[in-house]
Amino acid sequence: MFWIVFSIIVLALAFDFVNGFHDAANSIATVVSTRVLSPRVAVAWAAFFNFVAFLFFGLHVATTIGKGVVQPDAITLPVVTAGLVGALVWDLITWYAGLPTSSSHALVGGFAGAALVHSGFDTKVLVIPGLVKIAAFIVISPLVGLILGYILMSIVHYFFYNANPARASSLFRKLQIFSAAAYSLGHGGNDAQKTMGIILAVLIAGGYLNAKSDIPFWVVLACQTAMGLGTLCGGWRIVKTMGQKICLLQPVHGFSAETAGSTCLYAATWLGIPVSTTHTITGAIVGVGSTRSIRSVKWGVAGRVMWAWVLTIPAAAIMAVLTWWIFSTLGWK
């Protein structure tokens, strides 16, 4: 049993690594595309703040994932493993396609899909209120990011309308370094916690913890480290989509998008809501770009990204179901 639990925890940390790798664009796309930081410096900057995020936030999101998606008595080791595999496969597919989808929603979809097939598709194994809250924020988080991005960019434009362009650009280049750090902090605070929740579920299913246990500190450190290392590798295909293909960005736009996105993330993390950092920053970028004109946003690219968002939970769930069937065929269920 020990080696099975150990192997699943390693798989969960691998997912966390891929999450950091896949979602590096959320933290660095704007600061790289505006050439405020070089790609290597940007990923190191983001990775550091991804790692230290646990010092600033509670573990509410981890608890939601570990106990608020699937009923505790339906969690088995094959279910968790199949859910992780489904999420990992979807993340790698969308990374290859350069699509900024949500690793968080892939994890939720995989976990829920595996639990459903394990129970014979009995929906009672799902925590419906928790899933409804997560699904609602597929729409709410990018919308809030868009609105905040639009408002903040409009305020900045109002106060700096007559400013010297060179001085204003120099100021926002400096400010964007801090806004990128703020977003990386929010990313580490929200996303790493999801894997903490999965490892908590593994430890409960393996009999190492009871259903009321808190998350061990070694799990917190391991998840933050895995995400930080993944971010260091940087998902450059998605960076290009986020930083260049949705709309053209300058330092002032990058600062406004990152500040709006981090504000949304902090609120969600403190409320224990596992939102998508990808959705949030994409919405903020669209909001910032819309202040120039509707045509400034490349809506064809934005539409393709949104379709990937909609498909993430069901696609990861289907892959988890197929994985569980393979396990079942091999006699592990």
C-alpha atoms as a PDB file:
ATOM      1  CA  MET A   1       0.000   0.000   0.000  1.00  0.00           C
ATOM      2  CA  PHE A   2       2.813   2.416   0.882  1.00  0.00           C
ATOM      3  CA  TRP A   3       4.372   2.202  -2.564  1.00  0.00           C
ATOM      4  CA  ILE A   4       1.030   2.660  -4.294  1.00  0.00           C
ATOM      5  CA  VAL A   5       0.291   5.795  -2.257  1.00  0.00           C
ATOM      6  CA  PHE A   6       3.839   7.042  -2.798  1.00  0.00           C
ATOM      7  CA  SER A   7       3.557   6.528  -6.584  1.00  0.00           C
ATOM      8  CA  ILE A   8       0.244   8.409  -6.774  1.00  0.00           C
ATOM      9  CA  ILE A   9       1.712  11.315  -4.778  1.00  0.00           C
ATOM     10  CA  VAL A  10       4.617  11.436  -7.245  1.00  0.00           C
ATOM     11  CA  LEU A  11       2.069  11.495 -10.092  1.00  0.00           C
ATOM     12  CA  ALA A  12       0.211  14.338  -8.351  1.00  0.00           C
ATOM     13  CA  LEU A  13       3.432  16.321  -8.030  1.00  0.00           C
ATOM     14  CA  ALA A  14       4.125  15.624 -11.720  1.00  0.00           C
ATOM     15  CA  PHE A  15       0.726  17.150 -12.468  1.00  0.00           C
ATOM     16  CA  ASP A  16       1.668  20.154 -10.324  1.00  0.00           C
ATOM     17  CA  PHE A  17       4.901  20.503 -12.316  1.00  0.00           C
ATOM     18  CA  VAL A  18       2.976  20.382 -15.609  1.00  0.00           C
ATOM     19  CA  ASN A  19       0.463  22.850 -14.127  1.00  0.00           C
ATOM     20  CA  GLY A  20       3.292  25.312 -13.459  1.00  0.00           C
ATOM     21  CA  PHE A  21       4.760  24.601 -16.896  1.00  0.00           C
ATOM     22  CA  HIS A  22       1.382  24.913 -18.657  1.00  0.00           C
ATOM     23  CA  ASP A  23       0.265  27.986 -16.710  1.00  0.00           C
ATOM     24  CA  ALA A  24       3.587  29.873 -16.693  1.00  0.00           C
ATOM     25  CA  ALA A  25       2.061  32.045 -19.402  1.00  0.00           C
ATOM     26  CA  ASN A  26      -0.513  33.341 -16.912  1.00  0.00           C
ATOM     27  CA  SER A  27       2.246  34.979 -14.893  1.00  0.00           C
ATOM     28  CA  ILE A  28       4.803  35.945 -17.512  1.00  0.00           C
ATOM     29  CA  ALA A  29       3.076  36.403 -20.894  1.00  0.00           C
ATOM     30  CA  THR A  30       2.405  40.113 -20.444  1.00  0.00           C
ATOM     31  CA  VAL A  31       5.774  40.971 -18.879  1.00  0.00           C
ATOM     32  CA  VAL A  32       7.639  39.052 -21.630  1.00  0.00           C
ATOM     33  CA  SER A  33       5.571  40.345 -24.552  1.00  0.00           C
ATOM     34  CA  THR A  34       6.096  43.948 -23.407  1.00  0.00           C
ATOM     35  CA  ARG A  35       9.847  43.184 -23.058  1.00  0.00           C
ATOM     36  CA  VAL A  36       9.967  44.428 -19.490  1.00  0.00           C
ATOM     37  CA  LEU A  37      11.778  41.222 -18.491  1.00  0.00           C
ATOM     38  CA  SER A  38      13.646  38.663 -20.567  1.00  0.00           C
ATOM     39  CA  PRO A  39      12.005  35.214 -20.732  1.00  0.00           C
ATOM     40  CA  ARG A  40      14.596  33.611 -18.417  1.00  0.00           C
ATOM     41  CA  VAL A  41      14.370  36.348 -15.795  1.00  0.00           C
ATOM     42  CA  ALA A  42      10.565  36.383 -16.048  1.00  0.00           C
ATOM     43  CA  VAL A  43      10.170  32.662 -15.337  1.00  0.00           C
ATOM     44  CA  ALA A  44      12.607  32.841 -12.407  1.00  0.00           C
ATOM     45  CA  TRP A  45      10.688  35.844 -11.007  1.00  0.00           C
ATOM     46  CA  ALA A  46       7.360  34.042 -11.401  1.00  0.00           C
ATOM     47  CA  ALA A  47       8.691  30.760  -9.989  1.00  0.00           C
ATOM     48  CA  PHE A  48       9.933  32.457  -6.823  1.00  0.00           C
ATOM     49  CA  PHE A  49       6.564  34.056  -6.085  1.00  0.00           C
ATOM     50  CA  ASN A  50       4.760  30.809  -6.996  1.00  0.00           C
ATOM     51  CA  PHE A  51       6.808  29.069  -4.310  1.00  0.00           C
ATOM     52  CA  VAL A  52       6.370  31.588  -1.469  1.00  0.00           C
ATOM     53  CA  ALA A  53       2.606  31.974  -2.054  1.00  0.00           C
ATOM     54  CA  PHE A  54       1.729  29.559   0.774  1.00  0.00           C
ATOM     55  CA  LEU A  55       3.092  32.099   3.261  1.00  0.00           C
ATOM     56  CA  PHE A  56       0.341  34.575   2.328  1.00  0.00           C
ATOM     57  CA  PHE A  57      -2.795  32.476   1.832  1.00  0.00           C
ATOM     58  CA  GLY A  58      -4.730  29.919   3.827  1.00  0.00           C
ATOM     59  CA  LEU A  59      -5.516  26.459   2.447  1.00  0.00           C
ATOM     60  CA  HIS A  60      -9.217  26.983   1.713  1.00  0.00           C
ATOM     61  CA  VAL A  61      -8.902  26.051  -1.979  1.00  0.00           C
ATOM     62  CA  ALA A  62      -7.094  22.798  -1.140  1.00  0.00           C
ATOM     63  CA  THR A  63      -9.927  21.825   1.198  1.00  0.00           C
ATOM     64  CA  THR A  64     -12.497  22.518  -1.556  1.00  0.00           C
ATOM     65  CA  ILE A  65     -10.686  20.223  -4.007  1.00  0.00           C
ATOM     66  CA  GLY A  66      -9.940  17.493  -1.441  1.00  0.00           C
ATOM     67  CA  LYS A  67     -13.404  17.361   0.074  1.00  0.00           C
ATOM     68  CA  GLY A  68     -15.716  19.559  -2.012  1.00  0.00           C
ATOM     69  CA  VAL A  69     -15.802  17.825  -5.428  1.00  0.00           C
ATOM     70  CA  VAL A  70     -16.291  14.121  -4.668  1.00  0.00           C
ATOM     71  CA  GLN A  71     -17.830  12.547  -1.558  1.00  0.00           C
ATOM     72  CA  PRO A  72     -15.021  11.277   0.717  1.00  0.00           C
ATOM     73  CA  ASP A  73     -16.375   7.702   0.802  1.00  0.00           C
ATOM     74  CA  ALA A  74     -16.184   7.537  -3.025  1.00  0.00           C
ATOM     75  CA  ILE A  75     -12.480   8.410  -3.135  1.00  0.00           C
ATOM     76  CA  THR A  76     -10.261   5.430  -3.873  1.00  0.00           C
ATOM     77  CA  LEU A  77      -6.677   5.274  -5.062  1.00  0.00           C
ATOM     78  CA  PRO A  78      -7.647   4.180  -8.619  1.00  0.00           C
ATOM     79  CA  VAL A  79     -10.155   7.068  -8.776  1.00  0.00           C
ATOM     80  CA  VAL A  80      -7.542   9.638  -7.802  1.00  0.00           C
ATOM     81  CA  THR A  81      -4.973   8.157 -10.191  1.00  0.00           C
ATOM     82  CA  ALA A  82      -7.393   8.078 -13.126  1.00  0.00           C
ATOM     83  CA  GLY A  83      -8.405  11.676 -12.401  1.00  0.00           C
ATOM     84  CA  LEU A  84      -4.782  12.825 -12.388  1.00  0.00           C
ATOM     85  CA  VAL A  85      -3.997  10.991 -15.636  1.00  0.00           C
ATOM     86  CA  GLY A  86      -7.048  12.509 -17.350  1.00  0.00           C
ATOM     87  CA  ALA A  87      -6.040  16.018 -16.259  1.00  0.00           C
ATOM     88  CA  LEU A  88      -2.398  15.492 -17.257  1.00  0.00           C
ATOM     89  CA  VAL A  89      -3.265  14.240 -20.741  1.00  0.00           C
ATOM     90  CA  TRP A  90      -5.607  17.184 -21.399  1.00  0.00           C
ATOM     91  CA  ASP A  91      -2.991  19.663 -20.149  1.00  0.00           C
ATOM     92  CA  LEU A  92      -0.367  18.256 -22.493  1.00  0.00           C
ATOM     93  CA  ILE A  93      -2.749  18.267 -25.474  1.00  0.00           C
ATOM     94  CA  THR A  94      -3.724  21.905 -24.922  1.00  0.00           C
ATOM     95  CA  TRP A  95      -0.102  22.917 -24.264  1.00  0.00           C
ATOM     96  CA  TYR A  96       0.887  21.408 -27.630  1.00  0.00           C
ATOM     97  CA  ALA A  97      -1.980  23.290 -29.305  1.00  0.00           C
ATOM     98  CA  GLY A  98      -0.907  26.532 -27.579  1.00  0.00           C
ATOM     99  CA  LEU A  99      -4.278  26.919 -25.881  1.00  0.00           C
ATOM    100  CA  PRO A 100      -4.371  28.612 -22.431  1.00  0.00           C
ATOM    101  CA  THR A 101      -6.858  26.277 -20.768  1.00  0.00           C
ATOM    102  CA  SER A 102      -7.401  25.688 -17.066  1.00  0.00           C
ATOM    103  CA  SER A 103      -5.334  23.015 -15.304  1.00  0.00           C
ATOM    104  CA  SER A 104      -7.681  23.510 -12.345  1.00  0.00           C
ATOM    105  CA  HIS A 105     -10.776  22.588 -14.293  1.00  0.00           C
ATOM    106  CA  ALA A 106      -8.946  19.680 -15.942  1.00  0.00           C
ATOM    107  CA  LEU A 107      -8.213  18.340 -12.452  1.00  0.00           C
ATOM    108  CA  VAL A 108     -11.822  18.809 -11.321  1.00  0.00           C
ATOM    109  CA  GLY A 109     -13.147  17.159 -14.488  1.00  0.00           C
ATOM    110  CA  GLY A 110     -10.764  14.229 -14.212  1.00  0.00           C
ATOM    111  CA  PHE A 111     -11.511  13.676 -10.530  1.00  0.00           C
ATOM    112  CA  ALA A 112     -15.291  13.865 -11.036  1.00  0.00           C
ATOM    113  CA  GLY A 113     -15.250  11.666 -14.147  1.00  0.00           C
ATOM    114  CA  ALA A 114     -13.225   8.933 -12.436  1.00  0.00           C
ATOM    115  CA  ALA A 115     -15.497   8.969  -9.382  1.00  0.00           C
ATOM    116  CA  LEU A 116     -18.605   8.751 -11.557  1.00  0.00           C
ATOM    117  CA  VAL A 117     -17.468   5.723 -13.541  1.00  0.00           C
ATOM    118  CA  HIS A 118     -16.264   4.024 -10.354  1.00  0.00           C
ATOM    119  CA  SER A 119     -19.740   4.411  -8.810  1.00  0.00           C
ATOM    120  CA  GLY A 120     -21.579   3.210 -11.916  1.00  0.00           C
ATOM    121  CA  PHE A 121     -22.407   6.811 -12.854  1.00  0.00           C
ATOM    122  CA  ASP A 122     -24.247   7.495  -9.625  1.00  0.00           C
ATOM    123  CA  THR A 123     -24.277  11.302  -9.321  1.00  0.00           C
ATOM    124  CA  LYS A 124     -24.633  11.035  -5.539  1.00  0.00           C
ATOM    125  CA  VAL A 125     -20.852  10.585  -5.326  1.00  0.00           C
ATOM    126  CA  LEU A 126     -20.409  14.177  -6.508  1.00  0.00           C
ATOM    127  CA  VAL A 127     -20.607  17.213  -4.232  1.00  0.00           C
ATOM    128  CA  ILE A 128     -23.004  19.113  -6.495  1.00  0.00           C
ATOM    129  CA  PRO A 129     -22.838  22.514  -4.672  1.00  0.00           C
ATOM    130  CA  GLY A 130     -19.045  22.464  -4.926  1.00  0.00           C
ATOM    131  CA  LEU A 131     -19.123  21.586  -8.628  1.00  0.00           C
ATOM    132  CA  VAL A 132     -21.763  24.252  -9.341  1.00  0.00           C
ATOM    133  CA  LYS A 133     -19.594  26.868  -7.645  1.00  0.00           C
ATOM    134  CA  ILE A 134     -16.550  25.823  -9.671  1.00  0.00           C
ATOM    135  CA  ALA A 135     -18.543  25.734 -12.927  1.00  0.00           C
ATOM    136  CA  ALA A 136     -20.058  29.157 -12.265  1.00  0.00           C
ATOM    137  CA  PHE A 137     -16.605  30.672 -11.983  1.00  0.00           C
ATOM    138  CA  ILE A 138     -15.733  29.460 -15.478  1.00  0.00           C
ATOM    139  CA  VAL A 139     -17.878  32.431 -16.505  1.00  0.00           C
ATOM    140  CA  ILE A 140     -17.485  34.691 -13.478  1.00  0.00           C
ATOM    141  CA  SER A 141     -13.674  34.794 -13.196  1.00  0.00           C
ATOM    142  CA  PRO A 142     -12.914  35.921 -16.789  1.00  0.00           C
ATOM    143  CA  LEU A 143     -15.864  38.321 -16.675  1.00  0.00           C
ATOM    144  CA  VAL A 144     -14.624  39.903 -13.428  1.00  0.00           C
ATOM    145  CA  GLY A 145     -11.093  40.002 -14.865  1.00  0.00           C
ATOM    146  CA  LEU A 146     -12.424  41.701 -18.007  1.00  0.00           C
ATOM    147  CA  ILE A 147     -14.418  44.306 -16.078  1.00  0.00           C
ATOM    148  CA  LEU A 148     -11.579  45.075 -13.651  1.00  0.00           C
ATOM    149  CA  GLY A 149      -9.073  45.246 -16.506  1.00  0.00           C
ATOM    150  CA  TYR A 150     -11.286  47.643 -18.457  1.00  0.00           C
ATOM    151  CA  ILE A 151     -11.940  49.861 -15.415  1.00  0.00           C
ATOM    152  CA  LEU A 152      -8.319  49.985 -14.285  1.00  0.00           C
ATOM    153  CA  MET A 153      -7.026  50.701 -17.798  1.00  0.00           C
ATOM    154  CA  SER A 154      -9.620  53.467 -18.199  1.00  0.00           C
ATOM    155  CA  ILE A 155      -8.537  55.035 -14.882  1.00  0.00           C
ATOM    156  CA  VAL A 156      -4.864  54.886 -15.864  1.00  0.00           C
ATOM    157  CA  HIS A 157      -5.652  56.392 -19.268  1.00  0.00           C
ATOM    158  CA  TYR A 158      -7.596  59.230 -17.628  1.00  0.00           C
ATOM    159  CA  PHE A 159      -4.784  60.213 -15.258  1.00  0.00           C
ATOM    160  CA  PHE A 160      -1.921  59.750 -17.717  1.00  0.00           C
ATOM    161  CA  TYR A 161      -3.612  61.067 -20.859  1.00  0.00           C
ATOM    162  CA  ASN A 162      -1.334  64.129 -21.084  1.00  0.00           C
ATOM    163  CA  ALA A 163       1.757  62.500 -19.587  1.00  0.00           C
ATOM    164  CA  ASN A 164       5.061  62.392 -21.431  1.00  0.00           C
ATOM    165  CA  PRO A 165       4.961  59.057 -23.348  1.00  0.00           C
ATOM    166  CA  ALA A 166       8.590  58.161 -22.586  1.00  0.00           C
ATOM    167  CA  ARG A 167       8.245  58.891 -18.863  1.00  0.00           C
ATOM    168  CA  ALA A 168       4.926  57.060 -18.629  1.00  0.00           C
ATOM    169  CA  SER A 169       6.377  54.031 -20.397  1.00  0.00           C
ATOM    170  CA  SER A 170       9.383  54.024 -18.050  1.00  0.00           C
ATOM    171  CA  LEU A 171       7.095  54.214 -14.998  1.00  0.00           C
ATOM    172  CA  PHE A 172       4.851  51.354 -16.103  1.00  0.00           C
ATOM    173  CA  ARG A 173       7.814  49.179 -17.042  1.00  0.00           C
ATOM    174  CA  LYS A 174       8.895  49.402 -13.389  1.00  0.00           C
ATOM    175  CA  LEU A 175       5.359  48.919 -12.069  1.00  0.00           C
ATOM    176  CA  GLN A 176       4.809  45.889 -14.262  1.00  0.00           C
ATOM    177  CA  ILE A 177       7.613  44.030 -12.505  1.00  0.00           C
ATOM    178  CA  PHE A 178       5.599  44.293  -9.278  1.00  0.00           C
ATOM    179  CA  SER A 179       2.252  43.505 -10.923  1.00  0.00           C
ATOM    180  CA  ALA A 180       3.782  40.366 -12.474  1.00  0.00           C
ATOM    181  CA  ALA A 181       4.993  39.353  -9.003  1.00  0.00           C
ATOM    182  CA  ALA A 182       1.517  39.982  -7.590  1.00  0.00           C
ATOM    183  CA  TYR A 183      -0.090  37.763 -10.240  1.00  0.00           C
ATOM    184  CA  SER A 184       2.489  35.000  -9.734  1.00  0.00           C
ATOM    185  CA  LEU A 185       1.719  35.109  -6.020  1.00  0.00           C
ATOM    186  CA  GLY A 186      -1.995  34.679  -6.766  1.00  0.00           C
ATOM    187  CA  HIS A 187      -1.258  31.876  -9.219  1.00  0.00           C
ATOM    188  CA  GLY A 188       0.847  29.977  -6.672  1.00  0.00           C
ATOM    189  CA  GLY A 189      -1.714  30.605  -3.944  1.00  0.00           C
ATOM    190  CA  ASN A 190      -4.666  29.269  -5.918  1.00  0.00           C
ATOM    191  CA  ASP A 191      -3.300  26.635  -8.302  1.00  0.00           C
ATOM    192  CA  ALA A 192      -0.785  24.786  -6.107  1.00  0.00           C
ATOM    193  CA  GLN A 193      -3.518  24.267  -3.528  1.00  0.00           C
ATOM    194  CA  LYS A 194      -5.502  22.110  -5.935  1.00  0.00           C
ATOM    195  CA  THR A 195      -2.814  19.450  -5.967  1.00  0.00           C
ATOM    196  CA  MET A 196      -2.548  19.713  -2.183  1.00  0.00           C
ATOM    197  CA  GLY A 197      -6.236  18.797  -2.072  1.00  0.00           C
ATOM    198  CA  ILE A 198      -5.668  15.776  -4.307  1.00  0.00           C
ATOM    199  CA  ILE A 199      -2.760  14.525  -2.166  1.00  0.00           C
ATOM    200  CA  LEU A 200      -4.936  15.003   0.916  1.00  0.00           C
ATOM    201  CA  ALA A 201      -7.553  12.782  -0.768  1.00  0.00           C
ATOM    202  CA  VAL A 202      -4.855  10.177  -1.536  1.00  0.00           C
ATOM    203  CA  LEU A 203      -3.665  10.106   2.079  1.00  0.00           C
ATOM    204  CA  ILE A 204      -7.248   9.736   3.317  1.00  0.00           C
ATOM    205  CA  ALA A 205      -8.029   6.965   0.798  1.00  0.00           C
ATOM    206  CA  GLY A 206      -4.778   5.191   1.726  1.00  0.00           C
ATOM    207  CA  GLY A 207      -5.685   5.256   5.402  1.00  0.00           C
ATOM    208  CA  TYR A 208      -2.858   7.573   6.435  1.00  0.00           C
ATOM    209  CA  LEU A 209      -5.207  10.396   7.479  1.00  0.00           C
ATOM    210  CA  ASN A 210      -8.850  10.602   8.515  1.00  0.00           C
ATOM    211  CA  ALA A 211     -11.483  12.651   6.681  1.00  0.00           C
ATOM    212  CA  LYS A 212     -11.188  15.548   9.153  1.00  0.00           C
ATOM    213  CA  SER A 213      -7.408  15.899   8.932  1.00  0.00           C
ATOM    214  CA  ASP A 214      -5.666  19.088   7.888  1.00  0.00           C
ATOM    215  CA  ILE A 215      -3.095  19.171   5.096  1.00  0.00           C
ATOM    216  CA  PRO A 216       0.396  18.188   6.332  1.00  0.00           C
ATOM    217  CA  PHE A 217       3.041  20.875   5.960  1.00  0.00           C
ATOM    218  CA  TRP A 218       5.300  18.623   3.865  1.00  0.00           C
ATOM    219  CA  VAL A 219       2.501  18.401   1.285  1.00  0.00           C
ATOM    220  CA  VAL A 220       2.321  22.207   1.120  1.00  0.00           C
ATOM    221  CA  LEU A 221       6.082  22.506   0.568  1.00  0.00           C
ATOM    222  CA  ALA A 222       6.194  19.702  -2.010  1.00  0.00           C
ATOM    223  CA  CYS A 223       3.360  21.189  -4.096  1.00  0.00           C
ATOM    224  CA  GLN A 224       4.733  24.731  -4.022  1.00  0.00           C
ATOM    225  CA  THR A 225       8.170  23.418  -5.048  1.00  0.00           C
ATOM    226  CA  ALA A 226       6.776  21.335  -7.933  1.00  0.00           C
ATOM    227  CA  MET A 227       4.786  24.263  -9.279  1.00  0.00           C
ATOM    228  CA  GLY A 228       7.743  26.625  -8.962  1.00  0.00           C
ATOM    229  CA  LEU A 229      10.001  24.223 -10.866  1.00  0.00           C
ATOM    230  CA  GLY A 230       7.357  23.790 -13.573  1.00  0.00           C
ATOM    231  CA  THR A 231       7.055  27.544 -13.969  1.00  0.00           C
ATOM    232  CA  LEU A 232      10.844  27.749 -14.383  1.00  0.00           C
ATOM    233  CA  CYS A 233      10.511  25.630 -17.526  1.00  0.00           C
ATOM    234  CA  GLY A 234       7.910  27.988 -19.018  1.00  0.00           C
ATOM    235  CA  GLY A 235       5.202  26.950 -21.515  1.00  0.00           C
ATOM    236  CA  TRP A 236       6.361  29.122 -24.401  1.00  0.00           C
ATOM    237  CA  ARG A 237       3.669  28.055 -26.872  1.00  0.00           C
ATOM    238  CA  ILE A 238       0.983  29.454 -24.568  1.00  0.00           C
ATOM    239  CA  VAL A 239       3.045  32.560 -23.726  1.00  0.00           C
ATOM    240  CA  LYS A 240       2.873  33.486 -27.411  1.00  0.00           C
ATOM    241  CA  THR A 241      -0.914  33.066 -27.506  1.00  0.00           C
ATOM    242  CA  MET A 242      -1.514  35.043 -24.316  1.00  0.00           C
ATOM    243  CA  GLY A 243       1.004  37.818 -24.903  1.00  0.00           C
ATOM    244  CA  GLN A 244       0.739  38.418 -28.642  1.00  0.00           C
ATOM    245  CA  LYS A 245      -2.229  36.759 -30.329  1.00  0.00           C
ATOM    246  CA  ILE A 246      -5.152  38.090 -28.267  1.00  0.00           C
ATOM    247  CA  CYS A 247      -4.127  41.759 -28.448  1.00  0.00           C
ATOM    248  CA  LEU A 248      -0.921  43.781 -28.624  1.00  0.00           C
ATOM    249  CA  LEU A 249       0.330  44.876 -25.223  1.00  0.00           C
ATOM    250  CA  GLN A 250       2.498  47.701 -23.908  1.00  0.00           C
ATOM    251  CA  PRO A 251       3.781  48.003 -20.316  1.00  0.00           C
ATOM    252  CA  VAL A 252       0.774  50.062 -19.235  1.00  0.00           C
ATOM    253  CA  HIS A 253      -1.577  47.359 -20.545  1.00  0.00           C
ATOM    254  CA  GLY A 254       0.441  44.593 -18.930  1.00  0.00           C
ATOM    255  CA  PHE A 255       0.395  46.376 -15.572  1.00  0.00           C
ATOM    256  CA  SER A 256      -3.364  46.945 -15.731  1.00  0.00           C
ATOM    257  CA  ALA A 257      -4.138  43.345 -16.773  1.00  0.00           C
ATOM    258  CA  GLU A 258      -1.914  41.789 -14.110  1.00  0.00           C
ATOM    259  CA  THR A 259      -3.211  44.069 -11.349  1.00  0.00           C
ATOM    260  CA  ALA A 260      -6.833  43.361 -12.275  1.00  0.00           C
ATOM    261  CA  GLY A 261      -6.181  39.621 -12.506  1.00  0.00           C
ATOM    262  CA  SER A 262      -4.322  39.398  -9.200  1.00  0.00           C
ATOM    263  CA  THR A 263      -7.118  41.293  -7.416  1.00  0.00           C
ATOM    264  CA  CYS A 264      -9.627  38.731  -8.659  1.00  0.00           C
ATOM    265  CA  LEU A 265      -7.353  35.811  -7.706  1.00  0.00           C
ATOM    266  CA  TYR A 266      -6.716  37.033  -4.170  1.00  0.00           C
ATOM    267  CA  ALA A 267     -10.435  37.382  -3.495  1.00  0.00           C
ATOM    268  CA  ALA A 268     -11.192  33.909  -4.859  1.00  0.00           C
ATOM    269  CA  THR A 269      -8.333  32.249  -2.952  1.00  0.00           C
ATOM    270  CA  TRP A 270      -9.370  33.744   0.370  1.00  0.00           C
ATOM    271  CA  LEU A 271     -12.949  32.602  -0.303  1.00  0.00           C
ATOM    272  CA  GLY A 272     -11.735  29.076  -1.049  1.00  0.00           C
ATOM    273  CA  ILE A 273     -12.891  29.124  -4.685  1.00  0.00           C
ATOM    274  CA  PRO A 274     -10.625  27.195  -7.112  1.00  0.00           C
ATOM    275  CA  VAL A 275     -10.819  29.593 -10.054  1.00  0.00           C
ATOM    276  CA  SER A 276      -8.840  29.381 -13.253  1.00  0.00           C
ATOM    277  CA  THR A 277      -5.835  31.690 -13.295  1.00  0.00           C
ATOM    278  CA  THR A 278      -5.847  31.237 -17.075  1.00  0.00           C
ATOM    279  CA  HIS A 279      -9.427  32.437 -17.452  1.00  0.00           C
ATOM    280  CA  THR A 280      -8.816  35.362 -15.113  1.00  0.00           C
ATOM    281  CA  ILE A 281      -5.763  36.803 -16.869  1.00  0.00           C
ATOM    282  CA  THR A 282      -7.235  36.183 -20.323  1.00  0.00           C
ATOM    283  CA  GLY A 283     -10.361  38.120 -19.340  1.00  0.00           C
ATOM    284  CA  ALA A 284      -8.206  40.932 -17.959  1.00  0.00           C
ATOM    285  CA  ILE A 285      -6.152  41.106 -21.189  1.00  0.00           C
ATOM    286  CA  VAL A 286      -9.346  41.302 -23.265  1.00  0.00           C
ATOM    287  CA  GLY A 287     -10.717  44.025 -20.956  1.00  0.00           C
ATOM    288  CA  VAL A 288      -7.533  46.075 -21.214  1.00  0.00           C
ATOM    289  CA  GLY A 289      -7.395  45.654 -24.991  1.00  0.00           C
ATOM    290  CA  SER A 290     -11.041  46.702 -25.352  1.00  0.00           C
ATOM    291  CA  THR A 291     -10.289  50.180 -23.973  1.00  0.00           C
ATOM    292  CA  ARG A 292      -8.516  51.010 -27.235  1.00  0.00           C
ATOM    293  CA  SER A 293     -11.275  49.650 -29.455  1.00  0.00           C
ATOM    294  CA  ILE A 294     -13.245  46.457 -29.961  1.00  0.00           C
ATOM    295  CA  ARG A 295     -11.100  45.762 -33.008  1.00  0.00           C
ATOM    296  CA  SER A 296      -7.963  45.756 -30.877  1.00  0.00           C
ATOM    297  CA  VAL A 297      -8.951  42.316 -29.582  1.00  0.00           C
ATOM    298  CA  LYS A 298      -8.489  39.382 -31.942  1.00  0.00           C
ATOM    299  CA  TRP A 299     -11.841  37.813 -31.253  1.00  0.00           C
ATOM    300  CA  GLY A 300     -11.180  34.765 -33.431  1.00  0.00           C
ATOM    301  CA  VAL A 301      -8.300  33.725 -31.175  1.00  0.00           C
ATOM    302  CA  ALA A 302     -10.290  34.646 -28.058  1.00  0.00           C
ATOM    303  CA  GLY A 303     -13.196  32.508 -29.297  1.00  0.00           C
ATOM    304  CA  ARG A 304     -10.925  29.502 -29.874  1.00  0.00           C
ATOM    305  CA  VAL A 305      -9.580  29.878 -26.336  1.00  0.00           C
ATOM    306  CA  MET A 306     -13.116  30.076 -24.905  1.00  0.00           C
ATOM    307  CA  TRP A 307     -14.159  26.870 -26.679  1.00  0.00           C
ATOM    308  CA  ALA A 308     -11.182  25.140 -25.080  1.00  0.00           C
ATOM    309  CA  TRP A 309     -12.385  26.420 -21.691  1.00  0.00           C
ATOM    310  CA  VAL A 310     -15.857  24.948 -22.225  1.00  0.00           C
ATOM    311  CA  LEU A 311     -14.444  21.587 -23.311  1.00  0.00           C
ATOM    312  CA  THR A 312     -11.866  21.232 -20.527  1.00  0.00           C
ATOM    313  CA  ILE A 313     -13.990  19.656 -17.754  1.00  0.00           C
ATOM    314  CA  PRO A 314     -15.846  17.133 -19.998  1.00  0.00           C
ATOM    315  CA  ALA A 315     -12.694  16.293 -22.007  1.00  0.00           C
ATOM    316  CA  ALA A 316     -10.614  15.621 -18.877  1.00  0.00           C
ATOM    317  CA  ALA A 317     -13.535  13.638 -17.419  1.00  0.00           C
ATOM    318  CA  ILE A 318     -13.736  11.431 -20.548  1.00  0.00           C
ATOM    319  CA  MET A 319      -9.990  10.769 -20.421  1.00  0.00           C
ATOM    320  CA  ALA A 320     -10.240   9.888 -16.727  1.00  0.00           C
ATOM    321  CA  VAL A 321     -13.129   7.501 -17.478  1.00  0.00           C
ATOM    322  CA  LEU A 322     -11.053   5.749 -20.167  1.00  0.00           C
ATOM    323  CA  THR A 323      -8.110   5.515 -17.770  1.00  0.00           C
ATOM    324  CA  TRP A 324     -10.294   4.025 -15.028  1.00  0.00           C
ATOM    325  CA  TRP A 325     -11.643   1.422 -17.478  1.00  0.00           C
ATOM    326  CA  ILE A 326      -8.063   0.449 -18.317  1.00  0.00           C
ATOM    327  CA  PHE A 327      -7.314   0.082 -14.601  1.00  0.00           C
ATOM    328  CA  SER A 328     -10.510  -1.958 -14.166  1.00  0.00           C
ATOM    329  CA  THR A 329      -9.546  -4.269 -17.031  1.00  0.00           C
ATOM    330  CA  LEU A 330      -6.210  -4.824 -15.312  1.00  0.00           C
ATOM    331  CA  GLY A 331      -8.039  -5.668 -12.074  1.00  0.00           C
ATOM    332  CA  TRP A 332      -7.346  -2.436 -10.141  1.00  0.00           C
ATOM    333  CA  LYS A 333     -10.601  -0.712  -9.215  1.00  0.00           C
END
